[in-house]
Amino acid sequence: MQPGESPEAAAARAVREELGTRARVRILGGDGARVEEREFASNPGLAARYVLHAVDAEVIDGLPEDGSSRPRRPARTTGTPAPSP
């Protein structure tokens, strides 16, 4: 979540980031926050506090036409194409 962003707005943004900017989502509700406190695995002795939010949502428009979960992006080419036989 970004500073000042609600859990619902963060969820909608995350879906758009994954499916592309044309995706539209409807947030159906959330179940509040769950707090977890534990040590950082990569930095033992340093405490971490995670606030986890869960929301239910449905995509109402903008899924890729081929049914994949990722937007189709143009292929990138590098270098010089190989000559045709």
N, C-alpha and C. Protein backbone atom coordinates (compact mmCIF):
# COMPACT_ATOMS: atom_id res chain seq x y z
N MET A 1 0.85 -1.18 0.00
CA MET A 1 0.00 0.00 0.00
C MET A 1 0.88 1.23 0.00
N GLN A 2 0.39 2.22 -0.68
CA GLN A 2 1.09 3.50 -0.69
C GLN A 2 0.57 4.36 0.45
N PRO A 3 1.38 5.32 0.92
CA PRO A 3 0.92 6.17 2.03
C PRO A 3 -0.43 6.81 1.73
N GLY A 4 -1.35 6.71 2.67
CA GLY A 4 -2.68 7.31 2.52
C GLY A 4 -3.65 6.50 1.67
N GLU A 5 -3.23 5.37 1.14
CA GLU A 5 -4.07 4.55 0.26
C GLU A 5 -4.89 3.58 1.10
N SER A 6 -6.16 3.45 0.79
CA SER A 6 -7.01 2.49 1.49
C SER A 6 -6.72 1.08 0.98
N PRO A 7 -7.05 0.07 1.77
CA PRO A 7 -6.86 -1.31 1.30
C PRO A 7 -7.62 -1.58 -0.01
N GLU A 8 -8.81 -1.02 -0.13
CA GLU A 8 -9.61 -1.24 -1.35
C GLU A 8 -8.95 -0.60 -2.57
N ALA A 9 -8.45 0.62 -2.41
CA ALA A 9 -7.77 1.29 -3.53
C ALA A 9 -6.48 0.56 -3.89
N ALA A 10 -5.77 0.06 -2.89
CA ALA A 10 -4.53 -0.69 -3.15
C ALA A 10 -4.82 -1.97 -3.92
N ALA A 11 -5.90 -2.65 -3.56
CA ALA A 11 -6.26 -3.89 -4.26
C ALA A 11 -6.62 -3.60 -5.71
N ALA A 12 -7.40 -2.55 -5.95
CA ALA A 12 -7.77 -2.20 -7.33
C ALA A 12 -6.53 -1.83 -8.14
N ARG A 13 -5.62 -1.08 -7.54
CA ARG A 13 -4.39 -0.69 -8.24
C ARG A 13 -3.55 -1.93 -8.55
N ALA A 14 -3.44 -2.85 -7.60
CA ALA A 14 -2.63 -4.05 -7.81
C ALA A 14 -3.18 -4.89 -8.97
N VAL A 15 -4.50 -5.00 -9.06
CA VAL A 15 -5.11 -5.76 -10.17
C VAL A 15 -4.80 -5.07 -11.49
N ARG A 16 -4.93 -3.76 -11.55
CA ARG A 16 -4.62 -3.03 -12.79
C ARG A 16 -3.16 -3.18 -13.17
N GLU A 17 -2.27 -3.18 -12.17
CA GLU A 17 -0.84 -3.36 -12.46
C GLU A 17 -0.57 -4.74 -13.06
N GLU A 18 -1.30 -5.75 -12.61
CA GLU A 18 -1.09 -7.10 -13.12
C GLU A 18 -1.79 -7.35 -14.45
N LEU A 19 -2.99 -6.81 -14.62
CA LEU A 19 -3.79 -7.11 -15.82
C LEU A 19 -3.74 -6.02 -16.88
N GLY A 20 -3.21 -4.87 -16.55
CA GLY A 20 -3.15 -3.77 -17.50
C GLY A 20 -4.11 -2.66 -17.10
N THR A 21 -3.87 -1.49 -17.65
CA THR A 21 -4.61 -0.31 -17.23
C THR A 21 -6.08 -0.34 -17.66
N ARG A 22 -6.45 -1.21 -18.60
CA ARG A 22 -7.86 -1.27 -19.02
C ARG A 22 -8.72 -2.08 -18.05
N ALA A 23 -8.09 -2.81 -17.16
CA ALA A 23 -8.85 -3.66 -16.23
C ALA A 23 -9.64 -2.78 -15.25
N ARG A 24 -10.88 -3.17 -15.03
CA ARG A 24 -11.72 -2.50 -14.03
C ARG A 24 -12.14 -3.55 -13.02
N VAL A 25 -12.06 -3.19 -11.76
CA VAL A 25 -12.43 -4.13 -10.70
C VAL A 25 -13.48 -3.53 -9.81
N ARG A 26 -14.25 -4.39 -9.21
CA ARG A 26 -15.25 -3.98 -8.21
C ARG A 26 -14.82 -4.61 -6.90
N ILE A 27 -14.63 -3.78 -5.89
CA ILE A 27 -14.26 -4.28 -4.58
C ILE A 27 -15.54 -4.64 -3.85
N LEU A 28 -15.65 -5.90 -3.42
CA LEU A 28 -16.87 -6.40 -2.82
C LEU A 28 -16.87 -6.25 -1.30
N GLY A 29 -15.73 -6.06 -0.71
CA GLY A 29 -15.65 -5.90 0.74
C GLY A 29 -14.35 -6.44 1.27
N GLY A 30 -14.10 -6.15 2.52
CA GLY A 30 -12.87 -6.60 3.15
C GLY A 30 -13.16 -7.19 4.51
N ASP A 31 -12.15 -7.84 5.06
CA ASP A 31 -12.37 -8.46 6.37
C ASP A 31 -11.50 -7.85 7.46
N GLY A 32 -11.08 -6.62 7.28
CA GLY A 32 -10.27 -5.98 8.30
C GLY A 32 -8.80 -6.33 8.15
N ALA A 33 -8.03 -6.01 9.15
CA ALA A 33 -6.59 -6.21 9.10
C ALA A 33 -6.16 -7.29 10.08
N ARG A 34 -5.10 -7.98 9.70
CA ARG A 34 -4.47 -8.97 10.57
C ARG A 34 -3.01 -8.52 10.76
N VAL A 35 -2.54 -8.52 11.98
CA VAL A 35 -1.18 -8.06 12.27
C VAL A 35 -0.31 -9.26 12.59
N GLU A 36 0.86 -9.30 11.96
CA GLU A 36 1.87 -10.33 12.25
C GLU A 36 3.15 -9.64 12.66
N GLU A 37 3.76 -10.10 13.72
CA GLU A 37 5.04 -9.56 14.15
C GLU A 37 6.04 -10.71 14.22
N ARG A 38 7.20 -10.51 13.59
CA ARG A 38 8.25 -11.53 13.57
C ARG A 38 9.57 -10.88 13.21
N GLU A 39 10.64 -11.64 13.30
CA GLU A 39 11.95 -11.14 12.91
C GLU A 39 12.09 -11.15 11.41
N PHE A 40 12.87 -10.21 10.89
CA PHE A 40 13.22 -10.24 9.48
C PHE A 40 14.09 -11.46 9.25
N ALA A 41 13.77 -12.26 8.27
CA ALA A 41 14.57 -13.46 7.99
C ALA A 41 15.98 -13.08 7.55
N SER A 42 16.11 -12.00 6.80
CA SER A 42 17.42 -11.62 6.28
C SER A 42 18.22 -10.76 7.26
N ASN A 43 17.60 -10.35 8.37
CA ASN A 43 18.29 -9.51 9.34
C ASN A 43 17.88 -9.92 10.75
N PRO A 44 18.37 -11.07 11.24
CA PRO A 44 17.97 -11.57 12.56
C PRO A 44 18.17 -10.51 13.65
N GLY A 45 17.22 -10.48 14.56
CA GLY A 45 17.26 -9.51 15.64
C GLY A 45 16.49 -8.24 15.35
N LEU A 46 16.13 -8.01 14.10
CA LEU A 46 15.37 -6.83 13.71
C LEU A 46 13.90 -7.22 13.59
N ALA A 47 13.06 -6.59 14.39
CA ALA A 47 11.64 -6.94 14.39
C ALA A 47 10.93 -6.33 13.18
N ALA A 48 9.95 -7.05 12.71
CA ALA A 48 9.11 -6.57 11.60
C ALA A 48 7.66 -6.68 12.01
N ARG A 49 6.86 -5.73 11.59
CA ARG A 49 5.42 -5.75 11.87
C ARG A 49 4.71 -5.64 10.53
N TYR A 50 3.94 -6.65 10.19
CA TYR A 50 3.20 -6.70 8.94
C TYR A 50 1.72 -6.53 9.24
N VAL A 51 1.07 -5.62 8.53
CA VAL A 51 -0.37 -5.44 8.64
C VAL A 51 -0.95 -5.93 7.32
N LEU A 52 -1.68 -7.04 7.38
CA LEU A 52 -2.21 -7.69 6.18
C LEU A 52 -3.70 -7.40 6.04
N HIS A 53 -4.09 -6.99 4.85
CA HIS A 53 -5.49 -6.70 4.55
C HIS A 53 -5.96 -7.68 3.48
N ALA A 54 -7.17 -8.15 3.60
CA ALA A 54 -7.76 -9.02 2.58
C ALA A 54 -9.04 -8.38 2.08
N VAL A 55 -9.22 -8.39 0.76
CA VAL A 55 -10.45 -7.88 0.16
C VAL A 55 -10.95 -8.89 -0.85
N ASP A 56 -12.24 -8.91 -1.06
CA ASP A 56 -12.85 -9.69 -2.13
C ASP A 56 -13.10 -8.74 -3.27
N ALA A 57 -12.79 -9.19 -4.47
CA ALA A 57 -12.95 -8.33 -5.65
C ALA A 57 -13.30 -9.18 -6.85
N GLU A 58 -13.87 -8.55 -7.86
CA GLU A 58 -14.08 -9.22 -9.13
C GLU A 58 -13.69 -8.29 -10.25
N VAL A 59 -13.09 -8.86 -11.29
CA VAL A 59 -12.75 -8.07 -12.47
C VAL A 59 -14.00 -7.97 -13.31
N ILE A 60 -14.42 -6.75 -13.63
CA ILE A 60 -15.66 -6.58 -14.38
C ILE A 60 -15.42 -6.21 -15.84
N ASP A 61 -14.18 -5.87 -16.18
CA ASP A 61 -13.88 -5.53 -17.56
C ASP A 61 -12.37 -5.46 -17.73
N GLY A 62 -11.90 -5.71 -18.94
CA GLY A 62 -10.50 -5.49 -19.25
C GLY A 62 -9.59 -6.69 -19.18
N LEU A 63 -10.15 -7.92 -19.05
CA LEU A 63 -9.29 -9.10 -19.07
C LEU A 63 -8.71 -9.27 -20.47
N PRO A 64 -7.49 -9.78 -20.57
CA PRO A 64 -6.93 -10.06 -21.89
C PRO A 64 -7.84 -10.99 -22.68
N GLU A 65 -7.95 -10.77 -23.98
CA GLU A 65 -8.87 -11.54 -24.82
C GLU A 65 -8.54 -13.03 -24.88
N ASP A 66 -7.27 -13.39 -24.71
CA ASP A 66 -6.91 -14.80 -24.81
C ASP A 66 -7.13 -15.55 -23.49
N GLY A 67 -7.67 -14.88 -22.48
CA GLY A 67 -7.95 -15.53 -21.21
C GLY A 67 -6.76 -15.63 -20.28
N SER A 68 -5.61 -15.14 -20.71
CA SER A 68 -4.43 -15.20 -19.85
C SER A 68 -4.57 -14.18 -18.73
N SER A 69 -3.73 -14.31 -17.73
CA SER A 69 -3.81 -13.38 -16.62
C SER A 69 -2.88 -12.19 -16.80
N ARG A 70 -2.14 -12.14 -17.88
CA ARG A 70 -1.22 -11.04 -18.13
C ARG A 70 -1.60 -10.32 -19.41
N PRO A 71 -1.44 -8.99 -19.42
CA PRO A 71 -1.71 -8.27 -20.66
C PRO A 71 -0.69 -8.66 -21.72
N ARG A 72 -1.13 -8.66 -22.94
CA ARG A 72 -0.22 -8.99 -24.04
C ARG A 72 0.65 -7.77 -24.34
N ARG A 73 1.94 -7.98 -24.37
CA ARG A 73 2.87 -6.90 -24.65
C ARG A 73 3.57 -7.21 -25.96
N PRO A 74 3.93 -6.17 -26.70
CA PRO A 74 4.67 -6.43 -27.95
C PRO A 74 6.00 -7.09 -27.65
N ALA A 75 6.40 -8.00 -28.51
CA ALA A 75 7.68 -8.68 -28.34
C ALA A 75 8.81 -7.68 -28.54
N ARG A 76 9.83 -7.82 -27.72
CA ARG A 76 11.00 -6.96 -27.87
C ARG A 76 12.04 -7.69 -28.71
N THR A 77 12.67 -6.95 -29.56
CA THR A 77 13.73 -7.55 -30.36
C THR A 77 15.05 -6.89 -29.99
N THR A 78 16.08 -7.64 -30.04
CA THR A 78 17.41 -7.11 -29.77
C THR A 78 18.33 -7.54 -30.89
N GLY A 79 19.23 -6.70 -31.24
CA GLY A 79 20.20 -7.05 -32.27
C GLY A 79 19.60 -7.05 -33.67
N THR A 80 20.28 -7.70 -34.57
CA THR A 80 19.87 -7.77 -35.97
C THR A 80 19.16 -9.08 -36.22
N PRO A 81 18.00 -9.05 -36.88
CA PRO A 81 17.30 -10.31 -37.17
C PRO A 81 18.15 -11.23 -38.04
N ALA A 82 17.99 -12.50 -37.85
CA ALA A 82 18.70 -13.49 -38.67
C ALA A 82 18.15 -13.43 -40.10
N PRO A 83 19.01 -13.62 -41.09
CA PRO A 83 18.54 -13.60 -42.48
C PRO A 83 17.63 -14.80 -42.76
N SER A 84 16.69 -14.60 -43.66
CA SER A 84 15.80 -15.68 -44.06
C SER A 84 16.57 -16.68 -44.90
N PRO A 85 16.23 -17.99 -44.79
CA PRO A 85 16.93 -19.01 -45.58
C PRO A 85 16.65 -18.90 -47.05
